[in-house]
Structures are given as structure tokens and as C-alpha cells.
C-alpha atoms as a PDB file:
ATOM      1  CA  MET A   1      57.985 -63.196  61.911  1.00  0.00           C
ATOM      2  CA  ALA A   2      55.449 -64.271  59.287  1.00  0.00           C
ATOM      3  CA  PRO A   3      56.464 -67.108  56.953  1.00  0.00           C
ATOM      4  CA  LYS A   4      57.331 -66.814  53.302  1.00  0.00           C
ATOM      5  CA  LEU A   5      54.899 -68.807  51.173  1.00  0.00           C
ATOM      6  CA  SER A   6      55.809 -70.920  48.121  1.00  0.00           C
ATOM      7  CA  VAL A   7      53.006 -71.923  45.769  1.00  0.00           C
ATOM      8  CA  VAL A   8      53.923 -74.729  43.370  1.00  0.00           C
ATOM      9  CA  ILE A   9      51.742 -75.262  40.284  1.00  0.00           C
ATOM     10  CA  SER A  10      52.238 -77.949  37.691  1.00  0.00           C
ATOM     11  CA  PHE A  11      50.731 -77.061  34.300  1.00  0.00           C
ATOM     12  CA  LEU A  12      50.240 -78.557  30.850  1.00  0.00           C
ATOM     13  CA  ASN A  13      48.691 -76.475  28.066  1.00  0.00           C
ATOM     14  CA  GLU A  14      46.900 -73.954  30.261  1.00  0.00           C
ATOM     15  CA  GLU A  15      47.278 -70.757  28.186  1.00  0.00           C
ATOM     16  CA  GLU A  16      43.581 -69.955  28.477  1.00  0.00           C
ATOM     17  CA  VAL A  17      43.482 -69.895  32.296  1.00  0.00           C
ATOM     18  CA  LEU A  18      46.969 -68.758  33.284  1.00  0.00           C
ATOM     19  CA  PRO A  19      46.376 -64.983  33.103  1.00  0.00           C
ATOM     20  CA  ALA A  20      43.340 -65.198  35.433  1.00  0.00           C
ATOM     21  CA  LEU A  21      45.137 -67.609  37.755  1.00  0.00           C
ATOM     22  CA  ILE A  22      48.160 -65.328  38.076  1.00  0.00           C
ATOM     23  CA  GLU A  23      45.976 -62.274  38.695  1.00  0.00           C
ATOM     24  CA  ARG A  24      43.899 -64.020  41.358  1.00  0.00           C
ATOM     25  CA  LEU A  25      46.885 -65.514  43.142  1.00  0.00           C
ATOM     26  CA  ARG A  26      48.685 -62.154  43.178  1.00  0.00           C
ATOM     27  CA  ASN A  27      45.591 -60.368  44.516  1.00  0.00           C
ATOM     28  CA  VAL A  28      45.122 -62.837  47.374  1.00  0.00           C
ATOM     29  CA  LEU A  29      48.821 -63.055  48.268  1.00  0.00           C
ATOM     30  CA  HIS A  30      49.349 -59.261  48.125  1.00  0.00           C
ATOM     31  CA  LYS A  31      46.498 -58.940  50.638  1.00  0.00           C
ATOM     32  CA  GLU A  32      48.044 -61.620  52.829  1.00  0.00           C
ATOM     33  CA  CYS A  33      51.353 -59.717  52.732  1.00  0.00           C
ATOM     34  CA  SER A  34      49.626 -56.444  53.543  1.00  0.00           C
ATOM     35  CA  ASP A  35      47.806 -58.035  56.464  1.00  0.00           C
ATOM     36  CA  GLY A  36      51.075 -59.479  57.793  1.00  0.00           C
ATOM     37  CA  ALA A  37      49.962 -63.073  57.454  1.00  0.00           C
ATOM     38  CA  VAL A  38      52.935 -63.856  55.222  1.00  0.00           C
ATOM     39  CA  SER A  39      56.211 -61.990  54.775  1.00  0.00           C
ATOM     40  CA  GLY A  40      56.432 -62.741  51.085  1.00  0.00           C
ATOM     41  CA  TYR A  41      55.604 -65.319  48.450  1.00  0.00           C
ATOM     42  CA  GLU A  42      56.752 -66.957  45.258  1.00  0.00           C
ATOM     43  CA  LEU A  43      54.791 -68.618  42.497  1.00  0.00           C
ATOM     44  CA  ILE A  44      56.617 -71.614  41.060  1.00  0.00           C
ATOM     45  CA  PHE A  45      55.160 -72.845  37.800  1.00  0.00           C
ATOM     46  CA  VAL A  46      56.398 -76.210  36.556  1.00  0.00           C
ATOM     47  CA  ASN A  47      55.918 -76.700  32.811  1.00  0.00           C
ATOM     48  CA  ASP A  48      55.037 -80.371  32.193  1.00  0.00           C
ATOM     49  CA  SER A  49      55.963 -80.154  28.492  1.00  0.00           C
ATOM     50  CA  SER A  50      53.273 -77.729  27.319  1.00  0.00           C
ATOM     51  CA  ALA A  51      52.832 -77.327  23.561  1.00  0.00           C
ATOM     52  CA  ASP A  52      50.858 -74.065  23.703  1.00  0.00           C
ATOM     53  CA  ARG A  53      51.781 -70.484  24.730  1.00  0.00           C
ATOM     54  CA  SER A  54      51.661 -71.176  28.480  1.00  0.00           C
ATOM     55  CA  GLU A  55      55.371 -70.622  29.017  1.00  0.00           C
ATOM     56  CA  ASP A  56      55.335 -67.394  26.979  1.00  0.00           C
ATOM     57  CA  ILE A  57      52.475 -66.068  29.144  1.00  0.00           C
ATOM     58  CA  LEU A  58      54.428 -66.864  32.291  1.00  0.00           C
ATOM     59  CA  ILE A  59      57.590 -65.259  31.007  1.00  0.00           C
ATOM     60  CA  GLU A  60      55.693 -62.032  30.302  1.00  0.00           C
ATOM     61  CA  ALA A  61      54.031 -62.125  33.720  1.00  0.00           C
ATOM     62  CA  ALA A  62      57.444 -62.690  35.369  1.00  0.00           C
ATOM     63  CA  LYS A  63      58.736 -59.501  33.696  1.00  0.00           C
ATOM     64  CA  GLN A  64      56.021 -57.513  35.469  1.00  0.00           C
ATOM     65  CA  GLN A  65      56.938 -58.792  38.944  1.00  0.00           C
ATOM     66  CA  ALA A  66      59.700 -60.930  40.358  1.00  0.00           C
ATOM     67  CA  ASP A  67      57.321 -63.322  42.089  1.00  0.00           C
ATOM     68  CA  ILE A  68      57.248 -65.999  39.394  1.00  0.00           C
ATOM     69  CA  LYS A  69      59.726 -68.837  38.850  1.00  0.00           C
ATOM     70  CA  ILE A  70      59.374 -71.103  35.842  1.00  0.00           C
ATOM     71  CA  ILE A  71      60.735 -74.634  35.681  1.00  0.00           C
ATOM     72  CA  THR A  72      60.462 -76.476  32.353  1.00  0.00           C
ATOM     73  CA  MET A  73      60.578 -80.228  32.388  1.00  0.00           C
ATOM     74  CA  SER A  74      62.421 -82.065  29.554  1.00  0.00           C
ATOM     75  CA  ARG A  75      59.340 -84.156  28.795  1.00  0.00           C
ATOM     76  CA  ASN A  76      55.915 -84.922  30.261  1.00  0.00           C
ATOM     77  CA  PHE A  77      56.375 -86.386  33.749  1.00  0.00           C
ATOM     78  CA  GLY A  78      52.954 -85.904  35.384  1.00  0.00           C
ATOM     79  CA  ILE A  79      51.721 -83.814  38.260  1.00  0.00           C
ATOM     80  CA  SER A  80      53.455 -85.549  41.146  1.00  0.00           C
ATOM     81  CA  THR A  81      56.938 -85.387  39.665  1.00  0.00           C
ATOM     82  CA  CYS A  82      56.449 -81.754  38.585  1.00  0.00           C
ATOM     83  CA  VAL A  83      55.254 -80.669  42.021  1.00  0.00           C
ATOM     84  CA  LEU A  84      58.249 -82.371  43.665  1.00  0.00           C
ATOM     85  CA  ALA A  85      60.571 -80.614  41.187  1.00  0.00           C
ATOM     86  CA  GLY A  86      58.945 -77.286  42.082  1.00  0.00           C
ATOM     87  CA  MET A  87      59.395 -77.942  45.779  1.00  0.00           C
ATOM     88  CA  GLU A  88      63.118 -78.509  45.185  1.00  0.00           C
ATOM     89  CA  TYR A  89      63.365 -74.942  43.926  1.00  0.00           C
ATOM     90  CA  SER A  90      61.127 -73.362  46.549  1.00  0.00           C
ATOM     91  CA  THR A  91      62.574 -70.924  49.064  1.00  0.00           C
ATOM     92  CA  GLY A  92      59.534 -70.470  51.261  1.00  0.00           C
ATOM     93  CA  ASP A  93      59.012 -71.657  54.780  1.00  0.00           C
END
């Protein structure tokens, strides 16, 4: 059986690029699912204390499809800590 893929992304104030990132990731991962390379996927976005509309954009994108998880950190921790936090919540293989 093909594995389930978890993609963990740490972000800080990325409202300008998030819509394109989500669209591109979904396009690639839908194709991988269709081809049987992966059985499913999840996109885990870890908010490293963004002050812009990044989280709102992700919340709206998550309403369209159930492939997005959002983790919001209590303060700015940096990329490494955020990625590790995202991995804690991942359910992929």
C-alpha cells in the first residue's frame, strides 16, 4: 500500500505567497494520489507568530478541503521548533 504523506511547513508573515503555495502543493499531491504514489496527504502549517493575514488565508483554504492542519505557536520560536511541533501532529507514514 502507498504511504500517506505529511508535509510540514513553518511560516511567518507569508500572506502574499500562501495561496500559490497551497494551490501548487495540492496540484502535485493530487496527481501523486491519482498515480498511486501516495495514498493520501496532509498539509501541516505551523504559524510562528505571524502578524499578517496568513492564518486567515489558511483557515479559508482548510474550509475548501480537509487536507490542511494549522498549528499556532504561542510566540516566535523559529523554524526548527515549529517543524518539530508540526511533526508531532503529523499522521503520515
